[in-house]
C-alpha atoms as a PDB file:
ATOM      1  CA  MET A   1       0.033   0.017   0.106  1.00  0.00           C
ATOM      2  CA  THR A   2       3.029   2.292   0.526  1.00  0.00           C
ATOM      3  CA  THR A   3       4.000   1.751  -2.872  1.00  0.00           C
ATOM      4  CA  ARG A   4       1.033   2.628  -4.473  1.00  0.00           C
ATOM      5  CA  SER A   5       0.445   5.615  -2.397  1.00  0.00           C
ATOM      6  CA  THR A   6       3.885   7.172  -3.201  1.00  0.00           C
ATOM      7  CA  ARG A   7       3.895   6.660  -6.654  1.00  0.00           C
ATOM      8  CA  PRO A   8       1.162   8.726  -8.200  1.00  0.00           C
ATOM      9  CA  ASN A   9       2.611  11.852  -5.962  1.00  0.00           C
ATOM     10  CA  THR A  10       6.225  11.170  -7.953  1.00  0.00           C
ATOM     11  CA  GLU A  11       4.531  11.208 -11.097  1.00  0.00           C
ATOM     12  CA  GLY A  12       2.567  14.292 -10.093  1.00  0.00           C
ATOM     13  CA  SER A  13       5.639  15.893  -8.957  1.00  0.00           C
ATOM     14  CA  SER A  14       7.604  15.060 -12.656  1.00  0.00           C
ATOM     15  CA  ARG A  15       4.691  17.016 -14.306  1.00  0.00           C
ATOM     16  CA  GLU A  16       5.045  20.170 -12.365  1.00  0.00           C
ATOM     17  CA  GLU A  17       8.946  19.886 -13.374  1.00  0.00           C
ATOM     18  CA  ARG A  18       8.354  19.808 -16.785  1.00  0.00           C
ATOM     19  CA  PRO A  19       6.704  22.953 -17.323  1.00  0.00           C
ATOM     20  CA  ASP A  20       9.059  24.346 -14.867  1.00  0.00           C
ATOM     21  CA  LEU A  21      12.021  23.432 -17.787  1.00  0.00           C
ATOM     22  CA  GLY A  22       9.807  24.321 -20.900  1.00  0.00           C
ATOM     23  CA  GLN A  23      10.150  27.795 -19.044  1.00  0.00           C
ATOM     24  CA  LYS A  24      13.551  27.535 -18.402  1.00  0.00           C
ATOM     25  CA  LEU A  25      14.217  26.552 -21.922  1.00  0.00           C
ATOM     26  CA  ASP A  26      12.367  29.598 -23.707  1.00  0.00           C
ATOM     27  CA  GLN A  27      13.872  31.656 -21.603  1.00  0.00           C
ATOM     28  CA  VAL A  28      17.675  30.854 -22.863  1.00  0.00           C
ATOM     29  CA  LEU A  29      16.654  30.928 -25.881  1.00  0.00           C
ATOM     30  CA  ALA A  30      15.403  34.537 -25.642  1.00  0.00           C
ATOM     31  CA  ALA A  31      18.590  35.539 -24.019  1.00  0.00           C
ATOM     32  CA  LEU A  32      20.691  33.887 -26.900  1.00  0.00           C
ATOM     33  CA  ALA A  33      18.173  35.317 -29.233  1.00  0.00           C
ATOM     34  CA  GLU A  34      18.440  38.952 -27.942  1.00  0.00           C
ATOM     35  CA  THR A  35      22.557  38.663 -27.636  1.00  0.00           C
ATOM     36  CA  ASN A  36      22.616  37.711 -31.342  1.00  0.00           C
ATOM     37  CA  ARG A  37      20.719  40.897 -32.052  1.00  0.00           C
ATOM     38  CA  LYS A  38      22.755  43.212 -30.194  1.00  0.00           C
ATOM     39  CA  GLU A  39      25.907  41.702 -32.147  1.00  0.00           C
ATOM     40  CA  GLU A  40      24.572  42.224 -34.960  1.00  0.00           C
ATOM     41  CA  ARG A  41      23.574  46.181 -34.159  1.00  0.00           C
ATOM     42  CA  ALA A  42      27.410  46.345 -32.548  1.00  0.00           C
ATOM     43  CA  HIS A  43      28.697  45.205 -35.504  1.00  0.00           C
ATOM     44  CA  GLU A  44      26.506  46.952 -38.420  1.00  0.00           C
ATOM     45  CA  ALA A  45      27.624  50.121 -35.930  1.00  0.00           C
ATOM     46  CA  VAL A  46      31.508  49.002 -36.418  1.00  0.00           C
ATOM     47  CA  LEU A  47      30.616  49.007 -40.323  1.00  0.00           C
ATOM     48  CA  GLY A  48      29.300  52.590 -39.901  1.00  0.00           C
ATOM     49  CA  LEU A  49      32.268  53.584 -37.889  1.00  0.00           C
ATOM     50  CA  ARG A  50      34.542  52.274 -40.247  1.00  0.00           C
ATOM     51  CA  ASP A  51      32.858  54.532 -43.174  1.00  0.00           C
ATOM     52  CA  GLU A  52      32.770  57.467 -41.136  1.00  0.00           C
ATOM     53  CA  VAL A  53      36.930  57.133 -40.910  1.00  0.00           C
ATOM     54  CA  ALA A  54      37.462  56.848 -44.160  1.00  0.00           C
ATOM     55  CA  GLU A  55      35.495  59.641 -45.061  1.00  0.00           C
ATOM     56  CA  VAL A  56      37.008  61.685 -42.526  1.00  0.00           C
ATOM     57  CA  ARG A  57      40.937  60.419 -43.840  1.00  0.00           C
ATOM     58  CA  ARG A  58      39.474  61.522 -47.291  1.00  0.00           C
ATOM     59  CA  ASP A  59      38.665  64.966 -46.467  1.00  0.00           C
ATOM     60  CA  ASN A  60      42.305  64.929 -44.557  1.00  0.00           C
ATOM     61  CA  ALA A  61      43.518  63.863 -47.031  1.00  0.00           C
ATOM     62  CA  ARG A  62      42.068  66.821 -49.660  1.00  0.00           C
ATOM     63  CA  LEU A  63      42.205  69.037 -47.126  1.00  0.00           C
ATOM     64  CA  GLU A  64      46.407  68.339 -47.135  1.00  0.00           C
ATOM     65  CA  GLY A  65      46.466  68.776 -50.846  1.00  0.00           C
ATOM     66  CA  LEU A  66      45.323  71.736 -50.698  1.00  0.00           C
ATOM     67  CA  LEU A  67      47.997  72.806 -48.381  1.00  0.00           C
ATOM     68  CA  ALA A  68      50.756  71.329 -49.952  1.00  0.00           C
ATOM     69  CA  SER A  69      49.098  72.934 -53.380  1.00  0.00           C
ATOM     70  CA  GLU A  70      49.090  76.603 -51.443  1.00  0.00           C
ATOM     71  CA  ASP A  71      52.607  75.950 -50.564  1.00  0.00           C
ATOM     72  CA  ARG A  72      53.446  75.418 -54.066  1.00  0.00           C
ATOM     73  CA  THR A  73      52.250  78.260 -55.496  1.00  0.00           C
ATOM     74  CA  GLN A  74      53.745  81.034 -52.673  1.00  0.00           C
ATOM     75  CA  PRO A  75      57.020  81.270 -54.606  1.00  0.00           C
ATOM     76  CA  ARG A  76      55.556  81.558 -57.875  1.00  0.00           C
ATOM     77  CA  GLU A  77      53.223  84.469 -56.254  1.00  0.00           C
ATOM     78  CA  ASP A  78      56.620  86.261 -55.156  1.00  0.00           C
ATOM     79  CA  PHE A  79      58.150  85.594 -58.462  1.00  0.00           C
ATOM     80  CA  ASP A  80      54.935  87.315 -60.165  1.00  0.00           C
ATOM     81  CA  GLU A  81      54.802  90.706 -56.999  1.00  0.00           C
ATOM     82  CA  GLU A  82      59.183  90.967 -58.574  1.00  0.00           C
ATOM     83  CA  ILE A  83      57.768  90.899 -62.376  1.00  0.00           C
ATOM     84  CA  GLN A  84      54.985  93.457 -61.058  1.00  0.00           C
ATOM     85  CA  GLN A  85      58.054  95.549 -59.408  1.00  0.00           C
ATOM     86  CA  GLU A  86      60.480  95.341 -62.017  1.00  0.00           C
ATOM     87  CA  PHE A  87      57.415  96.518 -64.433  1.00  0.00           C
ATOM     88  CA  ARG A  88      56.692  99.136 -62.815  1.00  0.00           C
ATOM     89  CA  SER A  89      60.263 100.418 -62.667  1.00  0.00           C
ATOM     90  CA  GLN A  90      60.603 100.570 -66.456  1.00  0.00           C
ATOM     91  CA  PRO A  91      59.780 103.296 -69.088  1.00  0.00           C
ATOM     92  CA  GLN A  92      56.265 103.234 -70.112  1.00  0.00           C
ATOM     93  CA  GLY A  93      55.793 101.151 -72.865  1.00  0.00           C
ATOM     94  CA  GLU A  94      58.816  98.884 -72.383  1.00  0.00           C
ATOM     95  CA  ALA A  95      58.176  95.348 -70.710  1.00  0.00           C
ATOM     96  CA  PRO A  96      60.991  93.739 -68.622  1.00  0.00           C
ATOM     97  CA  ALA A  97      62.515  90.204 -69.909  1.00  0.00           C
ATOM     98  CA  PRO A  98      62.864  88.191 -66.890  1.00  0.00           C
ATOM     99  CA  SER A  99      66.257  86.831 -66.173  1.00  0.00           C
ATOM    100  CA  GLY A 100      67.245  83.095 -67.346  1.00  0.00           C
ATOM    101  CA  THR A 101      64.799  83.215 -69.876  1.00  0.00           C
ATOM    102  CA  ARG A 102      64.430  82.683 -73.794  1.00  0.00           C
ATOM    103  CA  MET A 103      61.458  84.619 -75.186  1.00  0.00           C
ATOM    104  CA  GLN A 104      60.869  85.325 -79.056  1.00  0.00           C
ATOM    105  CA  GLY A 105      60.629  88.613 -80.687  1.00  0.00           C
ATOM    106  CA  LYS A 106      56.618  87.570 -81.073  1.00  0.00           C
ATOM    107  CA  ARG A 107      56.212  87.236 -76.970  1.00  0.00           C
ATOM    108  CA  GLN A 108      58.050  90.427 -76.677  1.00  0.00           C
ATOM    109  CA  SER A 109      55.707  92.498 -78.627  1.00  0.00           C
ATOM    110  CA  GLN A 110      52.855  90.646 -77.152  1.00  0.00           C
ATOM    111  CA  SER A 111      53.990  91.547 -73.471  1.00  0.00           C
ATOM    112  CA  GLN A 112      54.925  94.936 -75.063  1.00  0.00           C
ATOM    113  CA  SER A 113      51.654  95.641 -76.339  1.00  0.00           C
ATOM    114  CA  ARG A 114      49.512  95.030 -73.689  1.00  0.00           C
ATOM    115  CA  PRO A 115      50.053  95.247 -69.389  1.00  0.00           C
ATOM    116  CA  PHE A 116      51.523  92.468 -67.517  1.00  0.00           C
ATOM    117  CA  GLN A 117      49.099  90.403 -65.026  1.00  0.00           C
ATOM    118  CA  THR A 118      50.382  88.517 -62.377  1.00  0.00           C
ATOM    119  CA  ARG A 119      48.206  85.089 -61.200  1.00  0.00           C
ATOM    120  CA  GLY A 120      47.553  87.239 -58.312  1.00  0.00           C
ATOM    121  CA  ALA A 121      45.996  90.035 -59.864  1.00  0.00           C
ATOM    122  CA  VAL A 122      43.837  87.942 -61.781  1.00  0.00           C
ATOM    123  CA  SER A 123      42.592  85.751 -58.585  1.00  0.00           C
ATOM    124  CA  GLY A 124      43.147  86.484 -55.105  1.00  0.00           C
ATOM    125  CA  ARG A 125      42.027  83.353 -53.773  1.00  0.00           C
ATOM    126  CA  HIS A 126      45.455  81.996 -52.858  1.00  0.00           C
ATOM    127  CA  HIS A 127      46.111  85.536 -51.162  1.00  0.00           C
ATOM    128  CA  GLU A 128      46.051  85.574 -47.552  1.00  0.00           C
ATOM    129  CA  SER A 129      43.365  87.805 -45.826  1.00  0.00           C
ATOM    130  CA  PRO A 130      44.400  90.981 -43.716  1.00  0.00           C
ATOM    131  CA  GLY A 131      46.191  90.180 -40.580  1.00  0.00           C
ATOM    132  CA  GLY A 132      47.200  86.864 -41.051  1.00  0.00           C
ATOM    133  CA  MET A 133      43.882  85.026 -41.651  1.00  0.00           C
ATOM    134  CA  PRO A 134      43.866  81.768 -43.622  1.00  0.00           C
ATOM    135  CA  PRO A 135      41.877  82.437 -47.136  1.00  0.00           C
ATOM    136  CA  ASP A 136      38.151  82.194 -47.134  1.00  0.00           C
ATOM    137  CA  TRP A 137      38.619  78.599 -48.970  1.00  0.00           C
ATOM    138  CA  LYS A 138      41.117  77.129 -46.048  1.00  0.00           C
ATOM    139  CA  ARG A 139      38.485  78.417 -43.355  1.00  0.00           C
ATOM    140  CA  GLU A 140      35.654  76.703 -45.137  1.00  0.00           C
ATOM    141  CA  MET A 141      37.217  73.921 -45.010  1.00  0.00           C
ATOM    142  CA  MET A 142      38.815  73.444 -41.792  1.00  0.00           C
ATOM    143  CA  ALA A 143      35.439  74.363 -40.642  1.00  0.00           C
ATOM    144  CA  GLU A 144      33.713  71.754 -42.468  1.00  0.00           C
ATOM    145  CA  LEU A 145      35.889  69.039 -41.192  1.00  0.00           C
ATOM    146  CA  GLY A 146      35.505  70.175 -37.875  1.00  0.00           C
ATOM    147  CA  LYS A 147      31.477  69.991 -38.367  1.00  0.00           C
ATOM    148  CA  ARG A 148      32.190  66.653 -39.475  1.00  0.00           C
ATOM    149  CA  LEU A 149      34.496  65.356 -36.767  1.00  0.00           C
ATOM    150  CA  GLY A 150      31.969  66.632 -34.331  1.00  0.00           C
ATOM    151  CA  ASN A 151      28.957  65.105 -35.718  1.00  0.00           C
ATOM    152  CA  HIS A 152      31.062  61.681 -35.759  1.00  0.00           C
ATOM    153  CA  HIS A 153      31.959  62.232 -31.679  1.00  0.00           C
ATOM    154  CA  SER A 154      28.707  63.546 -30.825  1.00  0.00           C
ATOM    155  CA  GLN A 155      26.550  60.469 -32.422  1.00  0.00           C
ATOM    156  CA  THR A 156      25.797  57.306 -30.022  1.00  0.00           C
ATOM    157  CA  PRO A 157      25.921  53.864 -31.307  1.00  0.00           C
ATOM    158  CA  ASP A 158      22.112  53.344 -31.617  1.00  0.00           C
ATOM    159  CA  ASP A 159      22.494  56.621 -34.177  1.00  0.00           C
ATOM    160  CA  LEU A 160      25.341  54.635 -36.104  1.00  0.00           C
ATOM    161  CA  ALA A 161      23.465  51.443 -36.032  1.00  0.00           C
ATOM    162  CA  GLU A 162      20.173  53.782 -37.161  1.00  0.00           C
ATOM    163  CA  GLN A 163      22.329  55.401 -40.081  1.00  0.00           C
ATOM    164  CA  THR A 164      24.022  52.025 -41.309  1.00  0.00           C
ATOM    165  CA  VAL A 165      21.025  50.531 -41.300  1.00  0.00           C
ATOM    166  CA  ARG A 166      19.406  53.367 -43.902  1.00  0.00           C
ATOM    167  CA  GLY A 167      22.391  52.592 -45.784  1.00  0.00           C
ATOM    168  CA  ILE A 168      21.766  49.097 -46.038  1.00  0.00           C
ATOM    169  CA  ASN A 169      18.629  49.521 -47.381  1.00  0.00           C
ATOM    170  CA  ARG A 170      19.728  52.150 -49.954  1.00  0.00           C
ATOM    171  CA  THR A 171      19.896  50.444 -53.333  1.00  0.00           C
ATOM    172  CA  ALA A 172      21.303  51.902 -57.353  1.00  0.00           C
ATOM    173  CA  PHE A 173      18.967  49.533 -58.597  1.00  0.00           C
ATOM    174  CA  ALA A 174      15.361  50.662 -59.611  1.00  0.00           C
ATOM    175  CA  ASP A 175      12.199  49.820 -58.227  1.00  0.00           C
ATOM    176  CA  TRP A 176      11.707  47.167 -60.655  1.00  0.00           C
ATOM    177  CA  ILE A 177      14.582  45.164 -60.093  1.00  0.00           C
ATOM    178  CA  GLN A 178      14.522  45.518 -56.530  1.00  0.00           C
ATOM    179  CA  MET A 179      11.335  44.274 -56.251  1.00  0.00           C
ATOM    180  CA  GLU A 180      11.211  41.505 -58.701  1.00  0.00           C
ATOM    181  CA  PRO A 181      11.941  37.943 -56.378  1.00  0.00           C
ATOM    182  CA  ARG A 182      14.259  35.191 -57.568  1.00  0.00           C
ATOM    183  CA  PRO A 183      12.834  32.302 -58.713  1.00  0.00           C
ATOM    184  CA  ARG A 184      12.721  29.396 -56.680  1.00  0.00           C
ATOM    185  CA  ASP A 185      14.454  27.701 -58.872  1.00  0.00           C
ATOM    186  CA  PHE A 186      17.679  29.884 -59.425  1.00  0.00           C
ATOM    187  CA  THR A 187      20.798  28.398 -58.220  1.00  0.00           C
ATOM    188  CA  THR A 188      23.188  31.023 -57.764  1.00  0.00           C
ATOM    189  CA  PRO A 189      26.293  30.379 -59.497  1.00  0.00           C
ATOM    190  CA  THR A 190      29.879  30.792 -58.191  1.00  0.00           C
ATOM    191  CA  PHE A 191      31.993  33.474 -59.314  1.00  0.00           C
ATOM    192  CA  ARG A 192      35.690  35.101 -58.855  1.00  0.00           C
ATOM    193  CA  PRO A 193      35.418  38.431 -56.935  1.00  0.00           C
ATOM    194  CA  PHE A 194      35.996  41.523 -58.878  1.00  0.00           C
ATOM    195  CA  GLU A 195      37.746  44.071 -56.799  1.00  0.00           C
ATOM    196  CA  GLY A 196      38.744  46.651 -59.811  1.00  0.00           C
ATOM    197  CA  LYS A 197      42.075  44.800 -60.341  1.00  0.00           C
ATOM    198  CA  THR A 198      41.598  42.581 -63.068  1.00  0.00           C
ATOM    199  CA  ASP A 199      40.038  43.178 -66.628  1.00  0.00           C
ATOM    200  CA  PRO A 200      36.252  44.478 -66.241  1.00  0.00           C
ATOM    201  CA  LEU A 201      35.836  42.953 -70.404  1.00  0.00           C
ATOM    202  CA  ASP A 202      36.792  39.435 -68.963  1.00  0.00           C
ATOM    203  CA  HIS A 203      34.686  39.619 -65.858  1.00  0.00           C
ATOM    204  CA  ILE A 204      31.609  40.602 -67.799  1.00  0.00           C
ATOM    205  CA  TYR A 205      32.094  38.155 -70.301  1.00  0.00           C
ATOM    206  CA  HIS A 206      32.686  35.364 -67.751  1.00  0.00           C
ATOM    207  CA  PHE A 207      29.953  36.096 -65.783  1.00  0.00           C
ATOM    208  CA  GLN A 208      27.440  36.520 -69.170  1.00  0.00           C
ATOM    209  CA  GLN A 209      28.508  32.665 -69.899  1.00  0.00           C
ATOM    210  CA  LYS A 210      28.041  31.281 -66.545  1.00  0.00           C
ATOM    211  CA  MET A 211      24.646  33.298 -66.233  1.00  0.00           C
ATOM    212  CA  ALA A 212      23.296  32.034 -69.490  1.00  0.00           C
ATOM    213  CA  LEU A 213      22.823  28.541 -67.937  1.00  0.00           C
ATOM    214  CA  GLU A 214      20.933  29.283 -64.763  1.00  0.00           C
ATOM    215  CA  SER A 215      18.927  32.119 -66.152  1.00  0.00           C
ATOM    216  CA  ARG A 216      18.112  35.035 -68.455  1.00  0.00           C
ATOM    217  CA  ASP A 217      15.896  37.502 -65.942  1.00  0.00           C
ATOM    218  CA  GLU A 218      17.274  40.671 -66.351  1.00  0.00           C
ATOM    219  CA  ALA A 219      16.445  41.691 -62.886  1.00  0.00           C
ATOM    220  CA  VAL A 220      18.119  38.561 -60.831  1.00  0.00           C
ATOM    221  CA  THR A 221      21.119  39.053 -63.340  1.00  0.00           C
ATOM    222  CA  CYS A 222      21.950  42.753 -61.653  1.00  0.00           C
ATOM    223  CA  LYS A 223      21.410  41.658 -58.337  1.00  0.00           C
ATOM    224  CA  VAL A 224      23.744  38.710 -59.407  1.00  0.00           C
ATOM    225  CA  PHE A 225      26.235  40.735 -60.664  1.00  0.00           C
ATOM    226  CA  SER A 226      26.272  43.207 -57.414  1.00  0.00           C
ATOM    227  CA  THR A 227      27.413  40.270 -55.445  1.00  0.00           C
ATOM    228  CA  THR A 228      30.236  39.242 -57.795  1.00  0.00           C
ATOM    229  CA  LEU A 229      31.885  42.587 -56.657  1.00  0.00           C
ATOM    230  CA  ALA A 230      34.169  42.989 -53.814  1.00  0.00           C
ATOM    231  CA  GLY A 231      36.661  45.204 -52.014  1.00  0.00           C
ATOM    232  CA  PRO A 232      36.933  48.979 -53.414  1.00  0.00           C
ATOM    233  CA  ALA A 233      34.083  47.760 -56.430  1.00  0.00           C
ATOM    234  CA  LEU A 234      31.903  46.805 -54.062  1.00  0.00           C
ATOM    235  CA  LEU A 235      32.498  50.308 -51.989  1.00  0.00           C
ATOM    236  CA  TRP A 236      31.844  52.317 -55.203  1.00  0.00           C
ATOM    237  CA  PHE A 237      28.634  50.242 -56.402  1.00  0.00           C
ATOM    238  CA  ARG A 238      27.567  51.675 -52.656  1.00  0.00           C
ATOM    239  CA  GLN A 239      28.267  54.481 -53.439  1.00  0.00           C
ATOM    240  CA  LEU A 240      26.128  55.056 -56.827  1.00  0.00           C
ATOM    241  CA  PRO A 241      23.014  57.129 -56.992  1.00  0.00           C
ATOM    242  CA  GLU A 242      20.565  55.704 -55.643  1.00  0.00           C
ATOM    243  CA  LYS A 243      17.968  53.938 -58.360  1.00  0.00           C
ATOM    244  CA  SER A 244      20.303  54.706 -61.072  1.00  0.00           C
ATOM    245  CA  ILE A 245      20.937  51.512 -62.823  1.00  0.00           C
ATOM    246  CA  ASN A 246      17.375  50.359 -64.733  1.00  0.00           C
ATOM    247  CA  GLY A 247      18.781  47.621 -66.218  1.00  0.00           C
ATOM    248  CA  PHE A 248      21.757  44.666 -66.912  1.00  0.00           C
ATOM    249  CA  GLU A 249      22.887  47.014 -69.295  1.00  0.00           C
ATOM    250  CA  ASP A 250      23.214  50.062 -67.310  1.00  0.00           C
ATOM    251  CA  PHE A 251      24.699  48.604 -65.032  1.00  0.00           C
ATOM    252  CA  CYS A 252      27.672  46.960 -67.489  1.00  0.00           C
ATOM    253  CA  ARG A 253      27.877  50.966 -68.803  1.00  0.00           C
ATOM    254  CA  VAL A 254      28.407  52.158 -65.208  1.00  0.00           C
ATOM    255  CA  PHE A 255      30.799  49.367 -64.623  1.00  0.00           C
ATOM    256  CA  LEU A 256      32.748  49.834 -68.039  1.00  0.00           C
ATOM    257  CA  ARG A 257      33.202  53.519 -67.428  1.00  0.00           C
ATOM    258  CA  GLN A 258      34.464  53.475 -63.902  1.00  0.00           C
ATOM    259  CA  TYR A 259      36.992  49.940 -64.417  1.00  0.00           C
ATOM    260  CA  ALA A 260      37.764  50.183 -68.395  1.00  0.00           C
ATOM    261  CA  GLY A 261      40.114  52.844 -67.904  1.00  0.00           C
ATOM    262  CA  ALA A 262      41.643  52.135 -64.877  1.00  0.00           C
END
């Protein structure tokens, strides 16, 4: 009798424990899913930061190039000013001949018939403003660079993640290409990635030969061709104007325009 009385109690306790284990399993799975979502958001934020840093580096390189160009033009401006002063010291109607140069008679007659104009007289862009301040274009460039750096540092990870998601959803394909579903029986062929270092025509020919065996759908062809781009070529594709590609012919045209002469 004792055995019969305890056996139902054991079975009842097992039934009570099973829902608890199921709930715990659901909680663990939910926690894992939330962790995966957080990791995906963090990865997207890192990609956004990488793009922002690359853009800031490009701005820095452009600014350094402009500053170097300004330094190279300064000796020329000093030379122009010296020639201008020499011109003022000459009698009227007689132009000075710069030392160390060979001027033909035609050039001499032309210089005598018209006043000497320096590059500084034509354009005052490279001259510094009064008080030793940098030119306007330099101040504007520095202000723009500072603004971008400030915006970059003021953004939170959530802002960067949202910006990255918007960039991911942006596409260079027209709506009809983007909305066209992929056929169920279509299998994507394997292609050699194109990074901009190989022959673009060979890449197109190789792609068309393989795609002709799988599908002739133009929307699918455009989408698959974009997956063959990698590295700098993929970055170039991501920066194309939105909805600027209206077919595979348009895609090949902008692709060859970018890489055929490289």
